[in-house]
């Protein structure tokens, strides 16, 4: 069984990746690969606690900004 923090982290990541995919018109699997390639996933893993306290719109926007700064497409 997962501890509460790990469970919360997994829950948030499982929630925000599809939100990112919906916002940028891609499949969830493609969003995951995009976030992984351009540093968004590392940012998400490191800063999930702060991101989950914000409006999902801003969390998705932060992920977009990180990916864009690391060579992701507009």
PDB file of N, CA and C in Angstrom:
ATOM      1  N   UNK A   1       0.842  -1.185   0.000  1.00  0.00           N
ATOM      2  CA  UNK A   1       0.000   0.000   0.000  1.00  0.00           C
ATOM      3  C   UNK A   1       0.887   1.248   0.000  1.00  0.00           C
ATOM      4  N   UNK A   2       0.480   2.252  -0.730  1.00  0.00           N
ATOM      5  CA  UNK A   2       1.240   3.493  -0.829  1.00  0.00           C
ATOM      6  C   UNK A   2       0.964   4.386   0.370  1.00  0.00           C
ATOM      7  N   UNK A   3       1.997   5.133   0.784  1.00  0.00           N
ATOM      8  CA  UNK A   3       1.763   6.122   1.828  1.00  0.00           C
ATOM      9  C   UNK A   3       0.943   7.265   1.236  1.00  0.00           C
ATOM     10  N   UNK A   4       0.389   8.120   2.092  1.00  0.00           N
ATOM     11  CA  UNK A   4      -0.524   9.174   1.640  1.00  0.00           C
ATOM     12  C   UNK A   4       0.138  10.124   0.654  1.00  0.00           C
ATOM     13  N   UNK A   5       1.373  10.547   0.914  1.00  0.00           N
ATOM     14  CA  UNK A   5       2.042  11.493   0.015  1.00  0.00           C
ATOM     15  C   UNK A   5       2.246  10.894  -1.371  1.00  0.00           C
ATOM     16  N   UNK A   6       2.691   9.660  -1.425  1.00  0.00           N
ATOM     17  CA  UNK A   6       2.896   8.993  -2.718  1.00  0.00           C
ATOM     18  C   UNK A   6       1.569   8.829  -3.449  1.00  0.00           C
ATOM     19  N   UNK A   7       0.541   8.453  -2.708  1.00  0.00           N
ATOM     20  CA  UNK A   7      -0.785   8.302  -3.302  1.00  0.00           C
ATOM     21  C   UNK A   7      -1.298   9.633  -3.853  1.00  0.00           C
ATOM     22  N   UNK A   8      -1.105  10.713  -3.102  1.00  0.00           N
ATOM     23  CA  UNK A   8      -1.519  12.040  -3.560  1.00  0.00           C
ATOM     24  C   UNK A   8      -0.739  12.464  -4.808  1.00  0.00           C
ATOM     25  N   UNK A   9       0.566  12.169  -4.814  1.00  0.00           N
ATOM     26  CA  UNK A   9       1.418  12.525  -5.959  1.00  0.00           C
ATOM     27  C   UNK A   9       0.971  11.783  -7.214  1.00  0.00           C
ATOM     28  N   UNK A  10       0.766  10.488  -7.080  1.00  0.00           N
ATOM     29  CA  UNK A  10       0.322   9.674  -8.219  1.00  0.00           C
ATOM     30  C   UNK A  10      -1.045  10.154  -8.703  1.00  0.00           C
ATOM     31  N   UNK A  11      -1.931  10.458  -7.771  1.00  0.00           N
ATOM     32  CA  UNK A  11      -3.260  10.943  -8.125  1.00  0.00           C
ATOM     33  C   UNK A  11      -3.209  12.250  -8.903  1.00  0.00           C
ATOM     34  N   UNK A  12      -2.374  13.178  -8.442  1.00  0.00           N
ATOM     35  CA  UNK A  12      -2.278  14.468  -9.123  1.00  0.00           C
ATOM     36  C   UNK A  12      -1.663  14.312 -10.513  1.00  0.00           C
ATOM     37  N   UNK A  13      -0.593  13.546 -10.608  1.00  0.00           N
ATOM     38  CA  UNK A  13       0.069  13.351 -11.900  1.00  0.00           C
ATOM     39  C   UNK A  13      -0.882  12.654 -12.874  1.00  0.00           C
ATOM     40  N   UNK A  14      -1.645  11.685 -12.376  1.00  0.00           N
ATOM     41  CA  UNK A  14      -2.620  10.985 -13.215  1.00  0.00           C
ATOM     42  C   UNK A  14      -3.754  11.905 -13.655  1.00  0.00           C
ATOM     43  N   UNK A  15      -3.990  12.948 -12.897  1.00  0.00           N
ATOM     44  CA  UNK A  15      -5.030  13.924 -13.227  1.00  0.00           C
ATOM     45  C   UNK A  15      -4.516  14.994 -14.194  1.00  0.00           C
ATOM     46  N   UNK A  16      -3.301  15.500 -13.960  1.00  0.00           N
ATOM     47  CA  UNK A  16      -2.840  16.682 -14.697  1.00  0.00           C
ATOM     48  C   UNK A  16      -2.348  16.346 -16.109  1.00  0.00           C
ATOM     49  N   UNK A  17      -1.803  15.168 -16.324  1.00  0.00           N
ATOM     50  CA  UNK A  17      -1.344  14.815 -17.674  1.00  0.00           C
ATOM     51  C   UNK A  17      -2.511  14.784 -18.663  1.00  0.00           C
ATOM     52  N   UNK A  18      -3.644  14.145 -18.342  1.00  0.00           N
ATOM     53  CA  UNK A  18      -4.783  14.232 -19.271  1.00  0.00           C
ATOM     54  C   UNK A  18      -5.325  15.660 -19.438  1.00  0.00           C
ATOM     55  N   UNK A  19      -5.249  16.479 -18.374  1.00  0.00           N
ATOM     56  CA  UNK A  19      -5.662  17.883 -18.498  1.00  0.00           C
ATOM     57  C   UNK A  19      -4.762  18.608 -19.507  1.00  0.00           C
ATOM     58  N   UNK A  20      -3.463  18.353 -19.416  1.00  0.00           N
ATOM     59  CA  UNK A  20      -2.506  18.930 -20.358  1.00  0.00           C
ATOM     60  C   UNK A  20      -2.842  18.457 -21.772  1.00  0.00           C
ATOM     61  N   UNK A  21      -3.103  17.172 -21.918  1.00  0.00           N
ATOM     62  CA  UNK A  21      -3.438  16.599 -23.226  1.00  0.00           C
ATOM     63  C   UNK A  21      -4.694  17.251 -23.805  1.00  0.00           C
ATOM     64  N   UNK A  22      -5.713  17.418 -22.991  1.00  0.00           N
ATOM     65  CA  UNK A  22      -6.954  18.039 -23.462  1.00  0.00           C
ATOM     66  C   UNK A  22      -6.711  19.473 -23.910  1.00  0.00           C
ATOM     67  N   UNK A  23      -5.962  20.211 -23.126  1.00  0.00           N
ATOM     68  CA  UNK A  23      -5.716  21.624 -23.426  1.00  0.00           C
ATOM     69  C   UNK A  23      -4.970  21.798 -24.750  1.00  0.00           C
ATOM     70  N   UNK A  24      -4.033  20.898 -25.035  1.00  0.00           N
ATOM     71  CA  UNK A  24      -3.208  21.039 -26.233  1.00  0.00           C
ATOM     72  C   UNK A  24      -3.558  20.023 -27.313  1.00  0.00           C
ATOM     73  N   UNK A  25      -4.760  19.470 -27.225  1.00  0.00           N
ATOM     74  CA  UNK A  25      -5.342  18.622 -28.282  1.00  0.00           C
ATOM     75  C   UNK A  25      -4.432  17.452 -28.674  1.00  0.00           C
ATOM     76  N   UNK A  26      -4.048  16.681 -27.658  1.00  0.00           N
ATOM     77  CA  UNK A  26      -3.243  15.481 -27.920  1.00  0.00           C
ATOM     78  C   UNK A  26      -3.750  14.333 -27.062  1.00  0.00           C
ATOM     79  N   UNK A  27      -3.339  13.143 -27.422  1.00  0.00           N
ATOM     80  CA  UNK A  27      -3.691  11.977 -26.611  1.00  0.00           C
ATOM     81  C   UNK A  27      -2.868  12.017 -25.326  1.00  0.00           C
ATOM     82  N   UNK A  28      -3.381  11.394 -24.270  1.00  0.00           N
ATOM     83  CA  UNK A  28      -2.683  11.385 -22.984  1.00  0.00           C
ATOM     84  C   UNK A  28      -1.289  10.760 -23.114  1.00  0.00           C
ATOM     85  N   UNK A  29      -1.170   9.695 -23.888  1.00  0.00           N
ATOM     86  CA  UNK A  29       0.130   9.050 -24.077  1.00  0.00           C
ATOM     87  C   UNK A  29       1.105  10.001 -24.770  1.00  0.00           C
ATOM     88  N   UNK A  30       0.638  10.737 -25.778  1.00  0.00           N
ATOM     89  CA  UNK A  30       1.496  11.698 -26.468  1.00  0.00           C
ATOM     90  C   UNK A  30       1.883  12.844 -25.538  1.00  0.00           C
ATOM     91  N   UNK A  31       0.954  13.267 -24.685  1.00  0.00           N
ATOM     92  CA  UNK A  31       1.252  14.327 -23.713  1.00  0.00           C
ATOM     93  C   UNK A  31       2.333  13.862 -22.748  1.00  0.00           C
ATOM     94  N   UNK A  32       2.226  12.622 -22.270  1.00  0.00           N
ATOM     95  CA  UNK A  32       3.239  12.067 -21.371  1.00  0.00           C
ATOM     96  C   UNK A  32       4.610  12.073 -22.044  1.00  0.00           C
ATOM     97  N   UNK A  33       4.674  11.608 -23.275  1.00  0.00           N
ATOM     98  CA  UNK A  33       5.950  11.554 -23.993  1.00  0.00           C
ATOM     99  C   UNK A  33       6.509  12.956 -24.255  1.00  0.00           C
ATOM    100  N   UNK A  34       5.641  13.893 -24.582  1.00  0.00           N
ATOM    101  CA  UNK A  34       6.044  15.285 -24.799  1.00  0.00           C
ATOM    102  C   UNK A  34       6.601  15.879 -23.503  1.00  0.00           C
ATOM    103  N   UNK A  35       5.876  15.682 -22.400  1.00  0.00           N
ATOM    104  CA  UNK A  35       6.334  16.197 -21.106  1.00  0.00           C
ATOM    105  C   UNK A  35       7.667  15.559 -20.700  1.00  0.00           C
ATOM    106  N   UNK A  36       7.810  14.297 -20.980  1.00  0.00           N
ATOM    107  CA  UNK A  36       9.062  13.601 -20.655  1.00  0.00           C
ATOM    108  C   UNK A  36      10.222  14.146 -21.499  1.00  0.00           C
ATOM    109  N   UNK A  37       9.987  14.345 -22.785  1.00  0.00           N
ATOM    110  CA  UNK A  37      11.037  14.799 -23.701  1.00  0.00           C
ATOM    111  C   UNK A  37      11.508  16.216 -23.384  1.00  0.00           C
ATOM    112  N   UNK A  38      10.584  17.097 -22.988  1.00  0.00           N
ATOM    113  CA  UNK A  38      10.924  18.507 -22.826  1.00  0.00           C
ATOM    114  C   UNK A  38      10.995  18.976 -21.367  1.00  0.00           C
ATOM    115  N   UNK A  39      11.164  18.050 -20.442  1.00  0.00           N
ATOM    116  CA  UNK A  39      11.420  18.414 -19.049  1.00  0.00           C
ATOM    117  C   UNK A  39      10.200  18.689 -18.193  1.00  0.00           C
ATOM    118  N   UNK A  40       9.024  18.631 -18.791  1.00  0.00           N
ATOM    119  CA  UNK A  40       7.817  18.879 -18.016  1.00  0.00           C
ATOM    120  C   UNK A  40       7.560  17.824 -16.965  1.00  0.00           C
ATOM    121  N   UNK A  41       7.860  16.585 -17.278  1.00  0.00           N
ATOM    122  CA  UNK A  41       7.634  15.501 -16.328  1.00  0.00           C
ATOM    123  C   UNK A  41       8.578  15.625 -15.134  1.00  0.00           C
ATOM    124  N   UNK A  42       9.827  15.954 -15.376  1.00  0.00           N
ATOM    125  CA  UNK A  42      10.766  16.166 -14.261  1.00  0.00           C
ATOM    126  C   UNK A  42      10.292  17.316 -13.376  1.00  0.00           C
ATOM    127  N   UNK A  43       9.839  18.398 -14.008  1.00  0.00           N
ATOM    128  CA  UNK A  43       9.310  19.545 -13.266  1.00  0.00           C
ATOM    129  C   UNK A  43       8.088  19.126 -12.450  1.00  0.00           C
ATOM    130  N   UNK A  44       7.216  18.356 -13.056  1.00  0.00           N
ATOM    131  CA  UNK A  44       6.014  17.882 -12.388  1.00  0.00           C
ATOM    132  C   UNK A  44       6.355  17.001 -11.190  1.00  0.00           C
ATOM    133  N   UNK A  45       7.306  16.095 -11.356  1.00  0.00           N
ATOM    134  CA  UNK A  45       7.705  15.208 -10.260  1.00  0.00           C
ATOM    135  C   UNK A  45       8.324  15.996  -9.098  1.00  0.00           C
ATOM    136  N   UNK A  46       9.077  17.020  -9.428  1.00  0.00           N
ATOM    137  CA  UNK A  46       9.755  17.795  -8.396  1.00  0.00           C
ATOM    138  C   UNK A  46       8.830  18.795  -7.707  1.00  0.00           C
ATOM    139  N   UNK A  47       7.906  19.379  -8.456  1.00  0.00           N
ATOM    140  CA  UNK A  47       7.095  20.477  -7.916  1.00  0.00           C
ATOM    141  C   UNK A  47       5.603  20.151  -7.827  1.00  0.00           C
ATOM    142  N   UNK A  48       5.247  18.890  -7.838  1.00  0.00           N
ATOM    143  CA  UNK A  48       3.841  18.505  -7.837  1.00  0.00           C
ATOM    144  C   UNK A  48       3.090  19.095  -6.662  1.00  0.00           C
ATOM    145  N   UNK A  49       3.739  19.169  -5.505  1.00  0.00           N
ATOM    146  CA  UNK A  49       3.052  19.639  -4.300  1.00  0.00           C
ATOM    147  C   UNK A  49       2.567  21.087  -4.487  1.00  0.00           C
ATOM    148  N   UNK A  50       3.423  21.944  -5.005  1.00  0.00           N
ATOM    149  CA  UNK A  50       3.028  23.335  -5.241  1.00  0.00           C
ATOM    150  C   UNK A  50       2.009  23.421  -6.376  1.00  0.00           C
ATOM    151  N   UNK A  51       2.215  22.650  -7.425  1.00  0.00           N
ATOM    152  CA  UNK A  51       1.310  22.694  -8.579  1.00  0.00           C
ATOM    153  C   UNK A  51      -0.102  22.239  -8.216  1.00  0.00           C
ATOM    154  N   UNK A  52      -0.203  21.273  -7.327  1.00  0.00           N
ATOM    155  CA  UNK A  52      -1.540  20.737  -7.029  1.00  0.00           C
ATOM    156  C   UNK A  52      -2.377  21.698  -6.185  1.00  0.00           C
ATOM    157  N   UNK A  53      -1.736  22.699  -5.593  1.00  0.00           N
ATOM    158  CA  UNK A  53      -2.494  23.660  -4.785  1.00  0.00           C
ATOM    159  C   UNK A  53      -3.074  24.787  -5.634  1.00  0.00           C
ATOM    160  N   UNK A  54      -2.637  24.870  -6.873  1.00  0.00           N
ATOM    161  CA  UNK A  54      -3.067  25.939  -7.770  1.00  0.00           C
ATOM    162  C   UNK A  54      -4.218  25.459  -8.646  1.00  0.00           C
ATOM    163  N   UNK A  55      -4.824  26.381  -9.334  1.00  0.00           N
ATOM    164  CA  UNK A  55      -5.844  26.064 -10.313  1.00  0.00           C
ATOM    165  C   UNK A  55      -5.205  25.190 -11.397  1.00  0.00           C
ATOM    166  N   UNK A  56      -5.876  24.112 -11.832  1.00  0.00           N
ATOM    167  CA  UNK A  56      -5.297  23.247 -12.870  1.00  0.00           C
ATOM    168  C   UNK A  56      -4.888  24.003 -14.134  1.00  0.00           C
ATOM    169  N   UNK A  57      -5.611  25.070 -14.473  1.00  0.00           N
ATOM    170  CA  UNK A  57      -5.244  25.881 -15.635  1.00  0.00           C
ATOM    171  C   UNK A  57      -3.806  26.368 -15.515  1.00  0.00           C
ATOM    172  N   UNK A  58      -3.433  26.866 -14.348  1.00  0.00           N
ATOM    173  CA  UNK A  58      -2.082  27.410 -14.144  1.00  0.00           C
ATOM    174  C   UNK A  58      -1.037  26.312 -14.071  1.00  0.00           C
ATOM    175  N   UNK A  59      -1.396  25.171 -13.523  1.00  0.00           N
ATOM    176  CA  UNK A  59      -0.458  24.040 -13.486  1.00  0.00           C
ATOM    177  C   UNK A  59      -0.138  23.589 -14.919  1.00  0.00           C
ATOM    178  N   UNK A  60      -1.168  23.496 -15.756  1.00  0.00           N
ATOM    179  CA  UNK A  60      -0.967  23.117 -17.163  1.00  0.00           C
ATOM    180  C   UNK A  60      -0.136  24.184 -17.863  1.00  0.00           C
ATOM    181  N   UNK A  61      -0.417  25.427 -17.589  1.00  0.00           N
ATOM    182  CA  UNK A  61       0.337  26.523 -18.206  1.00  0.00           C
ATOM    183  C   UNK A  61       1.813  26.489 -17.781  1.00  0.00           C
ATOM    184  N   UNK A  62       2.064  26.209 -16.510  1.00  0.00           N
ATOM    185  CA  UNK A  62       3.450  26.082 -16.035  1.00  0.00           C
ATOM    186  C   UNK A  62       4.173  24.958 -16.768  1.00  0.00           C
ATOM    187  N   UNK A  63       3.501  23.834 -16.959  1.00  0.00           N
ATOM    188  CA  UNK A  63       4.110  22.716 -17.692  1.00  0.00           C
ATOM    189  C   UNK A  63       4.417  23.120 -19.130  1.00  0.00           C
ATOM    190  N   UNK A  64       3.485  23.831 -19.746  1.00  0.00           N
ATOM    191  CA  UNK A  64       3.706  24.334 -21.101  1.00  0.00           C
ATOM    192  C   UNK A  64       4.953  25.220 -21.148  1.00  0.00           C
ATOM    193  N   UNK A  65       5.052  26.157 -20.205  1.00  0.00           N
ATOM    194  CA  UNK A  65       6.188  27.084 -20.169  1.00  0.00           C
ATOM    195  C   UNK A  65       7.513  26.349 -20.016  1.00  0.00           C
ATOM    196  N   UNK A  66       7.560  25.367 -19.131  1.00  0.00           N
ATOM    197  CA  UNK A  66       8.790  24.584 -18.917  1.00  0.00           C
ATOM    198  C   UNK A  66       9.163  23.859 -20.212  1.00  0.00           C
ATOM    199  N   UNK A  67       8.204  23.222 -20.838  1.00  0.00           N
ATOM    200  CA  UNK A  67       8.481  22.493 -22.084  1.00  0.00           C
ATOM    201  C   UNK A  67       8.940  23.448 -23.180  1.00  0.00           C
ATOM    202  N   UNK A  68       8.295  24.583 -23.290  1.00  0.00           N
ATOM    203  CA  UNK A  68       8.661  25.564 -24.308  1.00  0.00           C
ATOM    204  C   UNK A  68      10.097  26.051 -24.103  1.00  0.00           C
ATOM    205  N   UNK A  69      10.471  26.315 -22.850  1.00  0.00           N
ATOM    206  CA  UNK A  69      11.823  26.751 -22.531  1.00  0.00           C
ATOM    207  C   UNK A  69      12.870  25.686 -22.869  1.00  0.00           C
ATOM    208  N   UNK A  70      12.431  24.427 -22.902  1.00  0.00           N
ATOM    209  CA  UNK A  70      13.346  23.325 -23.197  1.00  0.00           C
ATOM    210  C   UNK A  70      13.220  22.806 -24.638  1.00  0.00           C
ATOM    211  N   UNK A  71      12.651  23.633 -25.514  1.00  0.00           N
ATOM    212  CA  UNK A  71      12.597  23.281 -26.929  1.00  0.00           C
ATOM    213  C   UNK A  71      11.285  22.732 -27.436  1.00  0.00           C
ATOM    214  N   UNK A  72      10.275  22.666 -26.584  1.00  0.00           N
ATOM    215  CA  UNK A  72       8.968  22.196 -27.027  1.00  0.00           C
ATOM    216  C   UNK A  72       8.336  23.162 -28.002  1.00  0.00           C
ATOM    217  N   UNK A  73       7.428  22.660 -28.799  1.00  0.00           N
ATOM    218  CA  UNK A  73       6.770  23.467 -29.827  1.00  0.00           C
ATOM    219  C   UNK A  73       5.676  24.329 -29.226  1.00  0.00           C
ATOM    220  N   UNK A  74       5.416  25.429 -29.861  1.00  0.00           N
ATOM    221  CA  UNK A  74       4.308  26.293 -29.457  1.00  0.00           C
ATOM    222  C   UNK A  74       3.026  25.767 -29.971  1.00  0.00           C
TER     223      UNK A  74
END
